[in-house]
Amino acid sequence: MSGLSQAGRQVARIAVRQASSHSHDSQAVWKEINRLGSEGKWDNVNNMPKMFLFGNAKQEATSAYRAINKDPDFFRQSPYGQYLKIVWRLTLLFGIIKAGTVVYDFAIPEEQRLKYKYRNHGHHGHDEAHH
């Protein structure tokens, strides 16, 4: 019984240490990043999680990235933000083009838009005699 109660005290002591603000190690994030780097989960060149991580590995790497990244920019909060930014800009470009064409079709009458279709073709019918 004494072994169980001693283990219970150690678990409680660890929980209190983790909840205490005084025991927070300022280097803990960098130690975590070093561990992730040695496990192959961290891209040291770009200082972000490696691409295409899944499950617990992705969660660990992303939490470490968010701990060091305090940028309020939406696209820089995520390690995949640079790719999301490209997709967002392309989607926005195509959306603006589509909205422009819809407004143009709505605002300009068809006869004005399609001048070539509705132009006067002259008298090229069968009335003229061709010799």
N, C-alpha and C. Protein backbone atom coordinates (compact mmCIF):
# COMPACT_ATOMS: atom_id res chain seq x y z
N MET A 1 0.80 -1.20 0.00
CA MET A 1 0.00 0.00 0.00
C MET A 1 0.84 1.25 0.00
N SER A 2 1.95 1.17 0.71
CA SER A 2 2.79 2.37 0.79
C SER A 2 3.37 2.70 -0.59
N GLY A 3 3.60 1.67 -1.42
CA GLY A 3 4.11 1.91 -2.77
C GLY A 3 3.08 2.63 -3.63
N LEU A 4 1.80 2.24 -3.48
CA LEU A 4 0.74 2.90 -4.24
C LEU A 4 0.53 4.33 -3.78
N SER A 5 0.58 4.55 -2.47
CA SER A 5 0.37 5.91 -1.98
C SER A 5 1.55 6.81 -2.35
N GLN A 6 2.76 6.24 -2.36
CA GLN A 6 3.93 7.02 -2.76
C GLN A 6 3.85 7.36 -4.25
N ALA A 7 3.39 6.43 -5.07
CA ALA A 7 3.23 6.70 -6.50
C ALA A 7 2.15 7.76 -6.71
N GLY A 8 1.09 7.70 -5.92
CA GLY A 8 0.03 8.70 -6.02
C GLY A 8 0.53 10.09 -5.66
N ARG A 9 1.40 10.18 -4.65
CA ARG A 9 1.97 11.47 -4.27
C ARG A 9 2.88 12.01 -5.37
N GLN A 10 3.64 11.12 -6.01
CA GLN A 10 4.53 11.57 -7.08
C GLN A 10 3.72 12.09 -8.27
N VAL A 11 2.64 11.40 -8.61
CA VAL A 11 1.78 11.86 -9.70
C VAL A 11 1.18 13.21 -9.35
N ALA A 12 0.72 13.36 -8.10
CA ALA A 12 0.14 14.63 -7.68
C ALA A 12 1.19 15.74 -7.71
N ARG A 13 2.42 15.44 -7.30
CA ARG A 13 3.50 16.42 -7.31
C ARG A 13 3.82 16.85 -8.74
N ILE A 14 3.83 15.91 -9.67
CA ILE A 14 4.09 16.24 -11.08
C ILE A 14 2.97 17.11 -11.63
N ALA A 15 1.73 16.79 -11.28
CA ALA A 15 0.59 17.58 -11.76
C ALA A 15 0.66 19.00 -11.22
N VAL A 16 1.05 19.16 -9.95
CA VAL A 16 1.17 20.49 -9.36
C VAL A 16 2.29 21.25 -10.03
N ARG A 17 3.40 20.59 -10.31
CA ARG A 17 4.52 21.24 -10.99
C ARG A 17 4.13 21.72 -12.38
N GLN A 18 3.38 20.90 -13.10
CA GLN A 18 2.98 21.28 -14.45
C GLN A 18 1.98 22.42 -14.43
N ALA A 19 1.15 22.51 -13.40
CA ALA A 19 0.16 23.57 -13.31
C ALA A 19 0.75 24.87 -12.78
N SER A 20 1.87 24.80 -12.10
CA SER A 20 2.49 25.97 -11.50
C SER A 20 3.18 26.81 -12.56
N SER A 21 3.05 28.13 -12.43
CA SER A 21 3.70 29.02 -13.40
C SER A 21 5.17 29.20 -13.07
N HIS A 22 5.58 28.94 -11.84
CA HIS A 22 6.97 29.11 -11.45
C HIS A 22 7.87 28.02 -12.02
N SER A 23 7.33 26.86 -12.24
CA SER A 23 8.16 25.76 -12.72
C SER A 23 8.25 25.71 -14.24
N HIS A 24 7.61 26.67 -14.91
CA HIS A 24 7.63 26.67 -16.37
C HIS A 24 9.04 26.98 -16.86
N ASP A 25 9.60 26.10 -17.62
CA ASP A 25 10.94 26.27 -18.15
C ASP A 25 10.84 27.04 -19.47
N SER A 26 11.57 28.16 -19.55
CA SER A 26 11.50 28.97 -20.77
C SER A 26 12.12 28.26 -21.96
N GLN A 27 12.94 27.28 -21.70
CA GLN A 27 13.58 26.54 -22.79
C GLN A 27 12.84 25.26 -23.15
N ALA A 28 11.71 25.01 -22.51
CA ALA A 28 10.98 23.76 -22.73
C ALA A 28 10.51 23.63 -24.18
N VAL A 29 10.10 24.74 -24.78
CA VAL A 29 9.64 24.69 -26.16
C VAL A 29 10.78 24.28 -27.08
N TRP A 30 11.96 24.84 -26.84
CA TRP A 30 13.10 24.53 -27.72
C TRP A 30 13.59 23.10 -27.49
N LYS A 31 13.46 22.62 -26.27
CA LYS A 31 13.80 21.21 -26.01
C LYS A 31 12.83 20.30 -26.76
N GLU A 32 11.56 20.69 -26.76
CA GLU A 32 10.55 19.92 -27.50
C GLU A 32 10.85 19.94 -29.00
N ILE A 33 11.24 21.10 -29.52
CA ILE A 33 11.56 21.21 -30.94
C ILE A 33 12.80 20.37 -31.28
N ASN A 34 13.79 20.37 -30.40
CA ASN A 34 14.97 19.53 -30.62
C ASN A 34 14.59 18.05 -30.64
N ARG A 35 13.68 17.66 -29.74
CA ARG A 35 13.23 16.27 -29.72
C ARG A 35 12.49 15.94 -31.01
N LEU A 36 11.61 16.84 -31.45
CA LEU A 36 10.88 16.61 -32.70
C LEU A 36 11.83 16.54 -33.89
N GLY A 37 12.86 17.38 -33.87
CA GLY A 37 13.84 17.36 -34.95
C GLY A 37 14.62 16.05 -34.99
N SER A 38 14.99 15.54 -33.83
CA SER A 38 15.73 14.27 -33.81
C SER A 38 14.84 13.09 -34.19
N GLU A 39 13.52 13.24 -34.02
CA GLU A 39 12.59 12.19 -34.43
C GLU A 39 12.15 12.34 -35.88
N GLY A 40 12.61 13.40 -36.55
CA GLY A 40 12.26 13.61 -37.95
C GLY A 40 10.90 14.25 -38.17
N LYS A 41 10.39 14.92 -37.16
CA LYS A 41 9.07 15.54 -37.27
C LYS A 41 9.16 17.06 -37.47
N TRP A 42 10.36 17.61 -37.48
CA TRP A 42 10.54 19.06 -37.55
C TRP A 42 11.46 19.40 -38.71
N ASP A 43 11.07 20.40 -39.49
CA ASP A 43 11.88 20.89 -40.61
C ASP A 43 12.78 22.00 -40.08
N ASN A 44 14.07 21.72 -39.91
CA ASN A 44 14.99 22.68 -39.33
C ASN A 44 15.30 23.84 -40.26
N VAL A 45 15.20 23.64 -41.55
CA VAL A 45 15.50 24.70 -42.50
C VAL A 45 14.43 25.79 -42.43
N ASN A 46 13.18 25.40 -42.43
CA ASN A 46 12.07 26.36 -42.40
C ASN A 46 11.56 26.65 -41.00
N ASN A 47 12.10 25.97 -39.99
CA ASN A 47 11.71 26.12 -38.60
C ASN A 47 10.20 25.96 -38.42
N MET A 48 9.71 24.84 -38.92
CA MET A 48 8.29 24.52 -38.84
C MET A 48 8.13 23.00 -38.89
N PRO A 49 6.95 22.49 -38.57
CA PRO A 49 6.74 21.03 -38.66
C PRO A 49 6.92 20.54 -40.09
N LYS A 50 7.39 19.32 -40.22
CA LYS A 50 7.52 18.73 -41.56
C LYS A 50 6.15 18.58 -42.19
N MET A 51 6.14 18.60 -43.49
CA MET A 51 4.89 18.46 -44.22
C MET A 51 4.40 17.02 -44.14
N PHE A 52 3.11 16.85 -44.21
CA PHE A 52 2.44 15.56 -44.29
C PHE A 52 2.65 14.69 -43.06
N LEU A 53 2.59 15.31 -41.88
CA LEU A 53 2.55 14.55 -40.64
C LEU A 53 1.09 14.25 -40.32
N PHE A 54 0.86 13.14 -39.65
CA PHE A 54 -0.51 12.76 -39.34
C PHE A 54 -0.60 12.34 -37.88
N GLY A 55 -1.79 12.47 -37.32
CA GLY A 55 -2.07 11.96 -35.99
C GLY A 55 -1.36 12.71 -34.89
N ASN A 56 -0.82 11.95 -33.95
CA ASN A 56 -0.17 12.52 -32.78
C ASN A 56 1.08 13.30 -33.15
N ALA A 57 1.80 12.85 -34.16
CA ALA A 57 3.02 13.55 -34.58
C ALA A 57 2.68 14.96 -35.07
N LYS A 58 1.62 15.08 -35.83
CA LYS A 58 1.21 16.39 -36.33
C LYS A 58 0.77 17.28 -35.17
N GLN A 59 0.04 16.72 -34.24
CA GLN A 59 -0.45 17.50 -33.09
C GLN A 59 0.72 18.02 -32.25
N GLU A 60 1.72 17.17 -31.99
CA GLU A 60 2.88 17.59 -31.21
C GLU A 60 3.65 18.70 -31.92
N ALA A 61 3.92 18.50 -33.20
CA ALA A 61 4.70 19.47 -33.96
C ALA A 61 3.96 20.79 -34.10
N THR A 62 2.66 20.73 -34.32
CA THR A 62 1.88 21.96 -34.49
C THR A 62 1.79 22.73 -33.18
N SER A 63 1.66 22.04 -32.05
CA SER A 63 1.61 22.74 -30.77
C SER A 63 2.94 23.42 -30.47
N ALA A 64 4.06 22.79 -30.82
CA ALA A 64 5.36 23.43 -30.63
C ALA A 64 5.50 24.63 -31.56
N TYR A 65 5.00 24.51 -32.77
CA TYR A 65 5.07 25.63 -33.72
C TYR A 65 4.25 26.82 -33.23
N ARG A 66 3.07 26.54 -32.70
CA ARG A 66 2.23 27.62 -32.20
C ARG A 66 2.82 28.27 -30.95
N ALA A 67 3.60 27.51 -30.19
CA ALA A 67 4.22 28.07 -28.99
C ALA A 67 5.30 29.08 -29.35
N ILE A 68 5.99 28.88 -30.48
CA ILE A 68 7.04 29.83 -30.86
C ILE A 68 6.55 30.88 -31.84
N ASN A 69 5.43 30.65 -32.49
CA ASN A 69 4.92 31.58 -33.49
C ASN A 69 3.81 32.42 -32.87
N LYS A 70 4.09 33.67 -32.65
CA LYS A 70 3.11 34.57 -32.03
C LYS A 70 2.56 35.59 -33.03
N ASP A 71 2.71 35.32 -34.32
CA ASP A 71 2.26 36.23 -35.37
C ASP A 71 0.73 36.21 -35.45
N PRO A 72 0.08 37.37 -35.42
CA PRO A 72 -1.38 37.39 -35.49
C PRO A 72 -1.94 37.16 -36.90
N ASP A 73 -1.08 37.14 -37.92
CA ASP A 73 -1.53 36.92 -39.29
C ASP A 73 -2.12 35.51 -39.41
N PHE A 74 -3.32 35.43 -39.99
CA PHE A 74 -4.02 34.15 -40.10
C PHE A 74 -3.20 33.13 -40.87
N PHE A 75 -2.54 33.54 -41.94
CA PHE A 75 -1.82 32.61 -42.79
C PHE A 75 -0.49 32.18 -42.18
N ARG A 76 0.01 32.90 -41.20
CA ARG A 76 1.28 32.52 -40.56
C ARG A 76 1.07 31.73 -39.28
N GLN A 77 -0.17 31.58 -38.85
CA GLN A 77 -0.44 30.82 -37.63
C GLN A 77 -0.29 29.33 -37.84
N SER A 78 -0.45 28.89 -39.06
CA SER A 78 -0.38 27.46 -39.37
C SER A 78 0.89 27.19 -40.17
N PRO A 79 1.51 26.03 -39.98
CA PRO A 79 2.67 25.71 -40.80
C PRO A 79 2.33 25.55 -42.28
N TYR A 80 1.09 25.29 -42.60
CA TYR A 80 0.66 25.16 -43.99
C TYR A 80 0.12 26.48 -44.53
N GLY A 81 0.30 27.56 -43.79
CA GLY A 81 -0.28 28.84 -44.15
C GLY A 81 0.18 29.40 -45.48
N GLN A 82 1.45 29.18 -45.84
CA GLN A 82 1.94 29.71 -47.11
C GLN A 82 1.23 29.06 -48.29
N TYR A 83 0.89 27.80 -48.17
CA TYR A 83 0.16 27.12 -49.24
C TYR A 83 -1.31 27.52 -49.24
N LEU A 84 -1.86 27.70 -48.06
CA LEU A 84 -3.24 28.16 -47.94
C LEU A 84 -3.39 29.57 -48.52
N LYS A 85 -2.36 30.39 -48.33
CA LYS A 85 -2.40 31.75 -48.86
C LYS A 85 -2.42 31.75 -50.38
N ILE A 86 -1.67 30.88 -51.02
CA ILE A 86 -1.67 30.77 -52.49
C ILE A 86 -3.04 30.33 -52.98
N VAL A 87 -3.59 29.30 -52.35
CA VAL A 87 -4.92 28.81 -52.75
C VAL A 87 -5.96 29.90 -52.55
N TRP A 88 -5.88 30.62 -51.44
CA TRP A 88 -6.83 31.70 -51.17
C TRP A 88 -6.75 32.78 -52.24
N ARG A 89 -5.53 33.19 -52.60
CA ARG A 89 -5.38 34.25 -53.60
C ARG A 89 -5.88 33.81 -54.97
N LEU A 90 -5.60 32.58 -55.36
CA LEU A 90 -6.10 32.10 -56.65
C LEU A 90 -7.63 32.02 -56.65
N THR A 91 -8.20 31.54 -55.56
CA THR A 91 -9.66 31.47 -55.45
C THR A 91 -10.26 32.87 -55.50
N LEU A 92 -9.64 33.80 -54.81
CA LEU A 92 -10.11 35.18 -54.83
C LEU A 92 -10.03 35.78 -56.22
N LEU A 93 -8.94 35.51 -56.94
CA LEU A 93 -8.78 36.01 -58.31
C LEU A 93 -9.88 35.48 -59.22
N PHE A 94 -10.10 34.17 -59.20
CA PHE A 94 -11.14 33.58 -60.04
C PHE A 94 -12.54 34.05 -59.62
N GLY A 95 -12.75 34.25 -58.35
CA GLY A 95 -14.03 34.76 -57.87
C GLY A 95 -14.30 36.18 -58.34
N ILE A 96 -13.27 37.02 -58.32
CA ILE A 96 -13.42 38.39 -58.80
C ILE A 96 -13.69 38.41 -60.30
N ILE A 97 -12.99 37.57 -61.04
CA ILE A 97 -13.22 37.50 -62.50
C ILE A 97 -14.65 37.04 -62.78
N LYS A 98 -15.10 36.01 -62.08
CA LYS A 98 -16.47 35.51 -62.28
C LYS A 98 -17.50 36.56 -61.89
N ALA A 99 -17.29 37.25 -60.78
CA ALA A 99 -18.22 38.29 -60.36
C ALA A 99 -18.25 39.43 -61.38
N GLY A 100 -17.09 39.76 -61.94
CA GLY A 100 -17.04 40.80 -62.97
C GLY A 100 -17.82 40.42 -64.21
N THR A 101 -17.71 39.18 -64.64
CA THR A 101 -18.46 38.75 -65.83
C THR A 101 -19.97 38.70 -65.56
N VAL A 102 -20.36 38.29 -64.36
CA VAL A 102 -21.78 38.25 -64.02
C VAL A 102 -22.36 39.66 -63.99
N VAL A 103 -21.64 40.60 -63.39
CA VAL A 103 -22.10 41.99 -63.34
C VAL A 103 -22.16 42.56 -64.75
N TYR A 104 -21.16 42.27 -65.57
CA TYR A 104 -21.14 42.75 -66.96
C TYR A 104 -22.33 42.20 -67.73
N ASP A 105 -22.61 40.92 -67.61
CA ASP A 105 -23.77 40.32 -68.29
C ASP A 105 -25.08 40.92 -67.81
N PHE A 106 -25.16 41.24 -66.53
CA PHE A 106 -26.39 41.78 -65.97
C PHE A 106 -26.58 43.26 -66.34
N ALA A 107 -25.50 44.04 -66.33
CA ALA A 107 -25.62 45.48 -66.51
C ALA A 107 -25.68 45.92 -67.97
N ILE A 108 -24.99 45.23 -68.85
CA ILE A 108 -24.92 45.64 -70.26
C ILE A 108 -25.92 44.81 -71.06
N PRO A 109 -26.77 45.45 -71.86
CA PRO A 109 -27.74 44.69 -72.66
C PRO A 109 -27.04 43.78 -73.67
N GLU A 110 -27.75 42.71 -74.04
CA GLU A 110 -27.17 41.71 -74.94
C GLU A 110 -26.82 42.30 -76.30
N GLU A 111 -27.65 43.19 -76.82
CA GLU A 111 -27.37 43.79 -78.12
C GLU A 111 -26.08 44.61 -78.08
N GLN A 112 -25.81 45.23 -76.96
CA GLN A 112 -24.59 46.03 -76.81
C GLN A 112 -23.37 45.13 -76.65
N ARG A 113 -23.51 44.06 -75.87
CA ARG A 113 -22.40 43.14 -75.63
C ARG A 113 -22.05 42.35 -76.88
N LEU A 114 -23.05 41.97 -77.66
CA LEU A 114 -22.85 41.09 -78.81
C LEU A 114 -23.06 41.86 -80.11
N LYS A 115 -22.29 42.92 -80.27
CA LYS A 115 -22.43 43.76 -81.46
C LYS A 115 -22.16 42.97 -82.74
N TYR A 116 -21.21 42.09 -82.71
CA TYR A 116 -20.86 41.32 -83.90
C TYR A 116 -22.01 40.40 -84.30
N LYS A 117 -22.67 39.81 -83.34
CA LYS A 117 -23.78 38.90 -83.62
C LYS A 117 -24.97 39.65 -84.20
N TYR A 118 -25.23 40.83 -83.67
CA TYR A 118 -26.42 41.58 -84.08
C TYR A 118 -26.13 42.66 -85.12
N ARG A 119 -24.96 42.67 -85.72
CA ARG A 119 -24.64 43.71 -86.70
C ARG A 119 -25.46 43.53 -87.97
N ASN A 120 -25.53 44.57 -88.76
CA ASN A 120 -26.24 44.53 -90.03
C ASN A 120 -25.33 43.85 -91.04
N HIS A 121 -25.75 42.71 -91.53
CA HIS A 121 -24.92 41.93 -92.44
C HIS A 121 -25.04 42.40 -93.88
N GLY A 122 -25.85 43.35 -94.15
CA GLY A 122 -26.01 43.81 -95.53
C GLY A 122 -26.97 42.90 -96.27
N HIS A 123 -27.04 43.08 -97.59
CA HIS A 123 -27.95 42.29 -98.42
C HIS A 123 -27.17 41.22 -99.17
N HIS A 124 -26.87 40.17 -98.50
CA HIS A 124 -26.17 39.05 -99.13
C HIS A 124 -27.14 37.93 -99.42
N GLY A 125 -28.38 38.27 -99.52
CA GLY A 125 -29.39 37.26 -99.75
C GLY A 125 -29.48 36.85 -101.21
N HIS A 126 -30.58 36.26 -101.58
CA HIS A 126 -30.79 35.75 -102.93
C HIS A 126 -31.35 36.81 -103.87
N ASP A 127 -31.56 38.00 -103.35
CA ASP A 127 -32.14 39.04 -104.19
C ASP A 127 -31.15 39.54 -105.24
N GLU A 128 -29.89 39.52 -104.91
CA GLU A 128 -28.90 40.06 -105.84
C GLU A 128 -28.57 39.04 -106.92
N ALA A 129 -28.29 39.55 -108.06
CA ALA A 129 -27.90 38.67 -109.17
C ALA A 129 -26.39 38.57 -109.19
N HIS A 130 -25.92 37.38 -109.20
CA HIS A 130 -24.48 37.16 -109.22
C HIS A 130 -24.09 36.69 -110.61
N HIS A 131 -23.27 37.44 -111.28
CA HIS A 131 -22.84 37.06 -112.63
C HIS A 131 -21.39 36.79 -112.67
